[in-house]
Every structure is written in C-alpha cells, then in structure tokens.
C-alpha cells in the first residue's frame, strides 16, 4: 500500500476512535466500514461468537451514552432510518478478534492498521503525560528561581539604597570639655 494511502487510512481510523468509559473504542458501524462488511453482518458474527468477546473486548453503549454520542457525531434519528438501538463498541482487542472472525482479506489487512492506530494513540497519550510531568518540573524550578531572584533583588537594594537614619551624627572626635 502506498505511504500516502497508509497515512490517510491511519488518519481515518484514528479519527473514528472514541473514548467511552475511559476506554478507547471504535463503533461497530465504523469498524464494519473499515472491514468492508455491513454493520448487521459484523454484529451477527459477534453474537454468534460471544464467548470470544469478553467484556474488555466489546460492550454495548447505554441509552444515555448513545444519546450523547448521537449529539456529538450527528448520527441520524431512528425515525429516519437510523439506528434503533445503542451500538456495540470494540476495544483494540475486540477489533482484532472481529477481524479474525470475518476472515476476509480486507478485514485482515485493515486490522493491522487499526492496531497501529490504537498503539499510536497510546504513544501520544504517554508522550503527553511525559510532557506534562516535565512542564510541572519546569514550573517548580521557575518558582524556586523566582524566590531566589526576589531575595537577590532585596539584598542588592540594601546595598544600593543608603540606610535611613533619623539624625545625622557628627564624624570625628569629641573633646572632653563639650558635653
């Protein structure tokens, strides 16, 4: 597959990965498109082989999650031929397992891209976490340096500004007869 086509495919997959229940998932309809099958066929294969899909591979969205999702991605209403029940979502492992069930050439080819997309997202999250920690360290150092600089400026001001005294004292010796 040409490099440009790989990038487009990877971008398409990454853009279809959602976060639901703090888990990166892909909708059954998006996965079916990537695998070149109808959503109905994909879900049918999953239902026939539920023992191969533990809870950390797939789960069905609740009605509330589905409503939120519909408003975010503008899916069609059920009164106009859209989905009538909440979709099944696939984790990285579930997407790979589904490709194994379908065993079509396109599903096998696309499963590699899907796994790579999930890995890329995981690496991006890890990189962001590292950057966040480094930023916190930098912020702490700057704060410490600010405190040191403030103290340094205060000490320099003491050297620059003459001490304030209320009365000037005469410089020199005092003769014993003047008291």
Protein backbone atom coordinates (compact mmCIF):
# COMPACT_ATOMS: atom_id res chain seq x y z
CA UNK A 1 0.00 0.00 0.00
CA UNK A 2 1.47 3.44 -0.92
CA UNK A 3 2.68 5.59 2.00
CA UNK A 4 0.11 8.36 1.35
CA UNK A 5 -2.72 5.82 1.35
CA UNK A 6 -1.41 4.36 4.64
CA UNK A 7 -1.42 7.83 6.24
CA UNK A 8 -4.98 8.51 5.05
CA UNK A 9 -6.15 5.13 6.33
CA UNK A 10 -4.41 5.63 9.68
CA UNK A 11 -5.86 9.14 10.00
CA UNK A 12 -9.34 7.82 9.14
CA UNK A 13 -9.03 5.12 11.80
CA UNK A 14 -7.66 7.48 14.47
CA UNK A 15 -10.50 9.93 13.82
CA UNK A 16 -13.06 7.13 14.33
CA UNK A 17 -11.63 6.04 17.70
CA UNK A 18 -13.67 7.43 20.59
CA UNK A 19 -13.23 7.42 24.35
CA UNK A 20 -16.15 5.83 26.18
CA UNK A 21 -15.99 4.84 29.86
CA UNK A 22 -12.33 5.88 29.86
CA UNK A 23 -11.61 3.31 27.16
CA UNK A 24 -10.56 3.88 23.54
CA UNK A 25 -13.15 2.20 21.33
CA UNK A 26 -14.44 2.11 17.78
CA UNK A 27 -18.13 1.92 16.87
CA UNK A 28 -19.44 -1.22 15.21
CA UNK A 29 -20.56 0.79 12.17
CA UNK A 30 -17.11 2.36 11.72
CA UNK A 31 -15.38 -0.99 12.17
CA UNK A 32 -17.74 -2.62 9.67
CA UNK A 33 -16.91 0.07 7.08
CA UNK A 34 -13.20 -0.45 7.63
CA UNK A 35 -13.60 -4.20 7.28
CA UNK A 36 -15.82 -3.86 4.20
CA UNK A 37 -18.90 -5.54 5.64
CA UNK A 38 -22.35 -4.42 6.72
CA UNK A 39 -22.74 -3.46 10.38
CA UNK A 40 -25.52 -6.02 10.61
CA UNK A 41 -23.17 -8.78 9.44
CA UNK A 42 -20.41 -7.77 11.86
CA UNK A 43 -22.81 -7.75 14.82
CA UNK A 44 -24.30 -11.04 13.71
CA UNK A 45 -20.85 -12.69 13.76
CA UNK A 46 -20.15 -11.23 17.20
CA UNK A 47 -23.47 -12.51 18.61
CA UNK A 48 -22.74 -15.98 17.21
CA UNK A 49 -19.33 -15.97 18.88
CA UNK A 50 -19.94 -14.08 22.14
CA UNK A 51 -17.64 -16.43 24.06
CA UNK A 52 -14.72 -14.99 22.05
CA UNK A 53 -15.56 -11.44 23.18
CA UNK A 54 -15.07 -10.83 26.90
CA UNK A 55 -16.18 -7.53 28.46
CA UNK A 56 -12.81 -5.88 27.83
CA UNK A 57 -13.14 -6.60 24.07
CA UNK A 58 -16.65 -5.24 23.41
CA UNK A 59 -19.58 -3.65 25.20
CA UNK A 60 -22.87 -2.10 24.23
CA UNK A 61 -23.44 1.58 24.90
CA UNK A 62 -26.16 2.54 27.34
CA UNK A 63 -29.09 4.62 26.04
CA UNK A 64 -27.63 7.72 27.74
CA UNK A 65 -24.19 7.17 26.20
CA UNK A 66 -25.83 6.63 22.83
CA UNK A 67 -27.79 9.88 23.10
CA UNK A 68 -24.64 11.80 23.99
CA UNK A 69 -22.81 10.15 21.13
CA UNK A 70 -25.59 10.95 18.66
CA UNK A 71 -25.41 14.62 19.59
CA UNK A 72 -21.61 14.64 19.23
CA UNK A 73 -21.29 12.85 15.90
CA UNK A 74 -24.68 13.76 14.40
CA UNK A 75 -25.97 10.26 13.70
CA UNK A 76 -29.36 10.00 12.09
CA UNK A 77 -32.53 9.66 14.07
CA UNK A 78 -34.26 6.28 14.32
CA UNK A 79 -37.40 7.80 12.77
CA UNK A 80 -35.41 8.45 9.57
CA UNK A 81 -33.86 5.01 9.16
CA UNK A 82 -31.01 5.44 11.63
CA UNK A 83 -30.00 3.14 14.45
CA UNK A 84 -32.76 1.86 16.65
CA UNK A 85 -30.63 0.54 19.49
CA UNK A 86 -27.30 1.57 21.02
CA UNK A 87 -24.25 0.35 19.12
CA UNK A 88 -21.67 -2.16 20.18
CA UNK A 89 -18.20 -0.69 20.60
CA UNK A 90 -14.94 -2.57 20.14
CA UNK A 91 -11.73 -2.06 22.05
CA UNK A 92 -8.39 -2.68 20.36
CA UNK A 93 -8.59 -6.38 21.24
CA UNK A 94 -12.19 -6.66 20.14
CA UNK A 95 -11.41 -5.08 16.77
CA UNK A 96 -8.67 -7.64 16.18
CA UNK A 97 -10.90 -10.51 17.30
CA UNK A 98 -13.64 -9.32 14.92
CA UNK A 99 -11.15 -9.34 12.03
CA UNK A 100 -10.28 -12.94 12.90
CA UNK A 101 -13.97 -13.89 12.81
CA UNK A 102 -14.67 -12.22 9.50
CA UNK A 103 -11.53 -13.65 7.90
CA UNK A 104 -11.89 -11.54 4.77
CA UNK A 105 -8.80 -10.15 3.04
CA UNK A 106 -9.86 -6.55 3.75
CA UNK A 107 -10.58 -7.29 7.42
CA UNK A 108 -7.17 -8.89 7.86
CA UNK A 109 -5.41 -6.00 6.09
CA UNK A 110 -7.33 -3.32 8.00
CA UNK A 111 -6.85 -4.97 11.40
CA UNK A 112 -3.13 -4.19 11.15
CA UNK A 113 -3.92 -0.51 10.59
CA UNK A 114 -6.42 -0.47 13.43
CA UNK A 115 -3.95 -1.98 15.89
CA UNK A 116 -1.29 0.53 14.76
CA UNK A 117 -3.76 3.38 15.24
CA UNK A 118 -4.57 2.27 18.79
CA UNK A 119 -0.83 1.96 19.52
CA UNK A 120 -0.19 5.42 18.10
CA UNK A 121 -2.91 6.90 20.33
CA UNK A 122 -1.40 5.13 23.35
CA UNK A 123 2.05 6.54 22.48
CA UNK A 124 0.59 10.02 22.06
CA UNK A 125 -1.07 9.79 25.48
CA UNK A 126 2.20 8.59 27.03
CA UNK A 127 4.12 11.44 25.36
CA UNK A 128 1.58 13.96 26.64
CA UNK A 129 1.94 12.53 30.15
CA UNK A 130 5.73 12.87 30.00
CA UNK A 131 5.44 16.44 28.68
CA UNK A 132 3.01 17.28 31.44
CA UNK A 133 5.40 15.98 34.11
CA UNK A 134 8.32 17.88 32.58
CA UNK A 135 6.24 21.06 32.48
CA UNK A 136 5.39 20.65 36.18
CA UNK A 137 9.10 20.21 36.98
CA UNK A 138 9.96 23.31 34.96
CA UNK A 139 7.23 25.28 36.68
CA UNK A 140 8.57 24.23 40.08
CA UNK A 141 12.11 25.25 39.10
CA UNK A 142 10.92 28.62 37.83
CA UNK A 143 9.04 29.18 41.09
CA UNK A 144 12.15 28.31 43.10
CA UNK A 145 14.25 30.59 40.88
CA UNK A 146 11.71 33.38 41.32
CA UNK A 147 12.07 33.15 45.09
CA UNK A 148 15.86 33.22 44.81
CA UNK A 149 15.72 36.18 42.41
CA UNK A 150 13.39 38.11 44.73
CA UNK A 151 15.81 37.60 47.65
CA UNK A 152 18.74 38.61 45.45
CA UNK A 153 16.98 41.81 44.37
CA UNK A 154 16.17 42.63 48.00
CA UNK A 155 19.83 42.20 49.00
CA UNK A 156 21.00 44.35 46.07
CA UNK A 157 18.52 47.07 47.06
CA UNK A 158 20.01 47.06 50.58
CA UNK A 159 23.42 47.73 49.05
CA UNK A 160 22.17 50.41 46.65
CA UNK A 161 19.85 52.34 48.96
CA UNK A 162 21.64 54.25 51.74
CA UNK A 163 20.50 53.29 55.25
CA UNK A 164 17.86 55.65 56.56
CA UNK A 165 18.76 57.34 59.86
CA UNK A 166 16.75 59.87 61.82
CA UNK A 167 19.61 62.17 62.88
CA UNK A 168 22.98 62.74 61.40
CA UNK A 169 25.86 62.16 63.77
CA UNK A 170 29.00 64.19 63.59
CA UNK A 171 32.02 62.44 62.41
CA UNK A 172 35.26 62.85 64.35
CA UNK A 173 36.50 63.10 67.94
CA UNK A 174 34.67 64.70 70.79
CA UNK A 175 36.57 66.93 73.05
CA UNK A 176 36.15 66.24 76.75
CA UNK A 177 35.03 69.81 77.59
CA UNK A 178 31.98 69.62 75.34
CA UNK A 179 29.34 67.51 76.88
